[in-house]
């Protein structure tokens, strides 16, 4: 589904990433940890094709990726439902076509009771759920999460973790990029990797 094979990336002619190797198959749950966000952001850019590698191979086989990013791509004064209809329209989907699926996703993500609330009025964990609903709307094979539990209290972190696990059980692969070691513990059954930062660049190994 997604393969990184000895991938290298240079920044300003310096080797920033070297020998980055991992794979992600259907229904996998992979957590990748780094103590700084910059290498994780670079990894996300490589996965999404925003930047190209300088060595090695990235193979995605036209795999669709739904992004749940740190920066929310929502209109603050519009409701959740209005935002999701707007994003669907940008992809060429009519309101009539997307609405039945949207209702299912709203129920799954626990947003049905606040679907008419303006995005700016939502609690932070609800904004994360809205981003997750937007990512799922186009039925991706992989959902890529950027620090989804950052700044969320323990109760809502646990609830959100259960939601992500539920989505994973439905056959969607999860790629979780995080700067928190606690997130390695939360991933009880999946694979765990750590990006190691040194003066020689960033490498990746199994997380201990």
Foldseek 3Di string as FASTA:
>chain_A
DKWFAQFWADDPNATAETGATDDFDWLFEEEEAELDCVVVVVVVCCQVVVDDTPDTDIDDPPFFEFEQDPDQPFDQQFFLQVRLQVLCVVVVDHCVRQVVVLVVLCVLLVNPVRRRPGNNPDDLLVSSSSSVSSSPSVPGQEYEYEASCPPPDPVSVVVVLVSVNVVSVVTRYYYYYYNDPVVVVSPPPHFYKYWDQDPNHTYIDGDD
